[in-house]
Amino acid sequence: MRTPGKIQTIFYFLVLISITAITYGKIINHFSPEFDETTYVSHFIDGDSFEIPGDEVRLADINAPEWNEQGGEYAKTVLNSLLDGKTIYLDTDQRFGRDPYGRLVAVVYVIHDPVSYRNVNKALLSQGVVELSDYSDNEFNPSNWREYVTILNTQDKIKYLVISTGLGFFVCLLFYFGFKKL
């Protein structure tokens, strides 16, 4: 037969695990972008789309002038300078995946330095060569974009796990002492 003490212990353990998992997940997702594909550009189309081996990519939530419009060639040149010859990392849209033309919708990253990635979509916005077009039909929220995203090493991940566990333990103590007063 279960005693109230065992049930309480199980409850606190579940709260601790839940708070730790949720907090750790949020911290890691905040610092580390989600990469669904690693590839390279095989052909530049314009300032917001390009080809990769076997597919075409449309940069999420931005709009560049077409190649034959004013500023179009410049936008294509800037995109080329950011991506040409580099390994690119795609965070593809998990809601619909593709635009009406069948292109992958993605936020694109490149390695900036040994400890950070550069968000190419945000970089193009910062340089003023594209306009923001926040399409609400995808998973991305441009207002949350940062141009440079830190790469977490194992030591940082462990540090955030310890912080998350501490927060979970603190919440358990609040529950414990809160229930004790009842």
Protein backbone atom coordinates (compact mmCIF):
# COMPACT_ATOMS: atom_id res chain seq x y z
CA MET A 1 0.00 0.00 0.00
CA ARG A 2 1.26 3.46 -0.91
CA THR A 3 1.72 5.95 1.85
CA PRO A 4 1.19 9.70 1.44
CA GLY A 5 4.95 10.15 1.81
CA LYS A 6 5.69 7.91 -1.19
CA ILE A 7 3.10 9.65 -3.32
CA GLN A 8 4.51 13.02 -2.32
CA THR A 9 8.05 11.87 -3.16
CA ILE A 10 6.93 10.64 -6.59
CA PHE A 11 5.11 13.94 -7.17
CA TYR A 12 8.21 16.01 -6.31
CA PHE A 13 10.42 13.79 -8.43
CA LEU A 14 8.09 14.25 -11.42
CA VAL A 15 7.99 18.02 -10.85
CA LEU A 16 11.79 18.13 -10.67
CA ILE A 17 12.20 16.13 -13.90
CA SER A 18 9.53 18.18 -15.71
CA ILE A 19 10.91 21.58 -14.71
CA THR A 20 14.46 20.49 -15.53
CA ALA A 21 13.49 19.13 -18.97
CA ILE A 22 11.36 22.14 -19.92
CA THR A 23 13.89 24.72 -18.74
CA TYR A 24 16.88 22.94 -20.26
CA GLY A 25 15.06 22.53 -23.58
CA LYS A 26 14.15 26.21 -23.71
CA ILE A 27 17.70 27.31 -22.87
CA ILE A 28 19.31 25.02 -25.45
CA ASN A 29 16.79 26.02 -28.14
CA HIS A 30 17.42 29.69 -27.38
CA PHE A 31 21.16 29.35 -27.94
CA SER A 32 21.35 26.61 -30.55
CA PRO A 33 19.50 26.78 -33.84
CA GLU A 34 17.80 23.65 -35.13
CA PHE A 35 19.57 22.30 -38.20
CA ASP A 36 17.64 19.98 -40.46
CA GLU A 37 20.12 19.84 -43.32
CA THR A 38 23.77 20.64 -43.97
CA THR A 39 24.65 21.36 -47.58
CA TYR A 40 26.07 23.96 -49.99
CA VAL A 41 24.72 26.30 -52.67
CA SER A 42 24.97 24.95 -56.20
CA HIS A 43 23.37 27.97 -57.94
CA PHE A 44 22.16 31.42 -56.87
CA ILE A 45 18.78 32.43 -58.32
CA ASP A 46 18.18 35.83 -56.72
CA GLY A 47 18.56 37.60 -53.38
CA ASP A 48 16.24 35.28 -51.46
CA SER A 49 16.46 31.92 -53.21
CA PHE A 50 19.08 29.48 -54.42
CA GLU A 51 19.58 25.88 -55.40
CA ILE A 52 21.23 23.14 -53.39
CA PRO A 53 21.97 19.68 -54.79
CA GLY A 54 18.58 18.20 -55.64
CA ASP A 55 16.39 21.03 -54.34
CA GLU A 56 15.63 24.74 -54.25
CA VAL A 57 15.55 26.91 -51.10
CA ARG A 58 13.53 30.06 -50.37
CA LEU A 59 14.76 32.15 -47.44
CA ALA A 60 11.97 32.40 -44.88
CA ASP A 61 10.17 35.65 -44.11
CA ILE A 62 12.23 37.97 -46.28
CA ASN A 63 11.66 39.35 -49.74
CA ALA A 64 14.36 40.52 -52.13
CA PRO A 65 13.75 42.34 -55.40
CA GLU A 66 13.67 39.98 -58.38
CA TRP A 67 16.92 39.71 -60.33
CA ASN A 68 15.51 41.98 -63.09
CA GLU A 69 14.18 44.66 -60.69
CA GLN A 70 16.07 47.59 -59.17
CA GLY A 71 18.31 46.27 -56.39
CA GLY A 72 17.80 42.66 -57.47
CA GLU A 73 21.32 42.05 -58.73
CA TYR A 74 22.77 43.70 -55.64
CA ALA A 75 20.68 41.48 -53.32
CA LYS A 76 21.86 38.42 -55.25
CA THR A 77 25.48 39.59 -54.96
CA VAL A 78 25.17 40.09 -51.20
CA LEU A 79 23.57 36.65 -50.75
CA ASN A 80 26.37 35.18 -52.87
CA SER A 81 29.00 36.87 -50.70
CA LEU A 82 27.42 35.42 -47.55
CA LEU A 83 27.06 31.84 -48.82
CA ASP A 84 29.35 31.10 -51.77
CA GLY A 85 31.80 28.29 -51.09
CA LYS A 86 30.58 27.79 -47.51
CA THR A 87 28.84 24.95 -45.78
CA ILE A 88 25.30 26.09 -45.04
CA TYR A 89 22.96 24.88 -42.32
CA LEU A 90 19.23 24.89 -43.01
CA ASP A 91 16.55 25.23 -40.37
CA THR A 92 13.61 24.20 -42.55
CA ASP A 93 9.99 25.05 -41.85
CA GLN A 94 8.35 22.22 -39.94
CA ARG A 95 4.81 23.54 -40.38
CA PHE A 96 4.41 23.35 -44.16
CA GLY A 97 7.98 22.82 -45.35
CA ARG A 98 7.60 24.30 -48.80
CA ASP A 99 6.23 27.42 -50.43
CA PRO A 100 3.58 27.37 -53.21
CA TYR A 101 6.38 26.93 -55.78
CA GLY A 102 7.72 23.78 -54.11
CA ARG A 103 10.83 25.40 -52.64
CA LEU A 104 12.10 24.50 -49.16
CA VAL A 105 11.39 27.39 -46.77
CA ALA A 106 14.34 27.87 -44.42
CA VAL A 107 16.37 30.09 -42.18
CA VAL A 108 19.96 29.65 -43.32
CA TYR A 109 23.06 29.73 -41.14
CA VAL A 110 26.79 29.75 -41.83
CA ILE A 111 29.64 29.40 -39.38
CA HIS A 112 30.76 32.89 -38.46
CA ASP A 113 33.66 32.06 -36.13
CA PRO A 114 34.59 29.13 -33.88
CA VAL A 115 31.85 29.97 -31.38
CA SER A 116 28.94 31.33 -33.44
CA TYR A 117 26.70 30.90 -36.47
CA ARG A 118 25.39 33.77 -38.57
CA ASN A 119 21.70 33.90 -39.47
CA VAL A 120 21.82 34.80 -43.17
CA ASN A 121 18.14 35.84 -43.31
CA LYS A 122 18.76 38.34 -40.50
CA ALA A 123 22.07 39.48 -42.04
CA LEU A 124 20.31 40.38 -45.30
CA LEU A 125 17.70 42.35 -43.35
CA SER A 126 20.41 44.13 -41.33
CA GLN A 127 22.21 45.13 -44.52
CA GLY A 128 18.98 46.53 -45.97
CA VAL A 129 19.06 44.48 -49.18
CA VAL A 130 15.79 42.66 -48.45
CA GLU A 131 12.50 43.52 -46.78
CA LEU A 132 10.82 41.70 -43.95
CA SER A 133 7.80 39.66 -45.08
CA ASP A 134 6.65 37.76 -42.01
CA TYR A 135 4.61 34.95 -43.50
CA SER A 136 2.51 33.62 -40.65
CA ASP A 137 2.05 30.29 -42.44
CA ASN A 138 5.48 29.03 -41.34
CA GLU A 139 7.07 28.26 -37.98
CA PHE A 140 9.49 31.19 -37.96
CA ASN A 141 9.19 34.44 -36.05
CA PRO A 142 11.61 37.05 -37.42
CA SER A 143 11.19 39.24 -34.34
CA ASN A 144 13.07 36.52 -32.40
CA TRP A 145 15.97 36.28 -34.86
CA ARG A 146 19.46 37.20 -33.77
CA GLU A 147 22.12 37.72 -36.42
CA TYR A 148 24.75 35.79 -34.46
CA VAL A 149 23.91 32.65 -32.50
CA THR A 150 26.35 31.13 -30.03
CA ILE A 151 27.44 27.55 -30.49
CA LEU A 152 27.18 25.79 -27.14
CA ASN A 153 30.00 23.44 -26.25
CA THR A 154 29.57 20.44 -23.95
CA GLN A 155 30.73 22.39 -20.90
CA ASP A 156 28.08 25.08 -21.53
CA LYS A 157 25.37 22.43 -21.98
CA ILE A 158 26.33 20.82 -18.67
CA LYS A 159 26.27 24.23 -16.97
CA TYR A 160 22.74 24.87 -18.25
CA LEU A 161 21.64 21.39 -17.21
CA VAL A 162 22.85 22.10 -13.66
CA ILE A 163 21.05 25.48 -13.65
CA SER A 164 17.86 23.83 -14.94
CA THR A 165 18.05 21.11 -12.30
CA GLY A 166 18.59 23.74 -9.61
CA LEU A 167 15.51 25.60 -10.81
CA GLY A 168 13.52 22.36 -10.73
CA PHE A 169 14.74 21.65 -7.20
CA PHE A 170 13.78 25.20 -6.14
CA VAL A 171 10.24 24.73 -7.52
CA CYS A 172 9.99 21.42 -5.64
CA LEU A 173 10.94 23.20 -2.41
CA LEU A 174 8.28 25.83 -3.05
CA PHE A 175 5.70 23.08 -3.55
CA TYR A 176 6.89 21.23 -0.46
CA PHE A 177 6.80 24.19 1.89
CA GLY A 178 3.64 25.55 0.27
CA PHE A 179 1.80 22.27 0.80
CA LYS A 180 3.16 21.92 4.32
CA LYS A 181 1.43 25.15 5.34
CA LEU A 182 -1.93 23.85 4.08
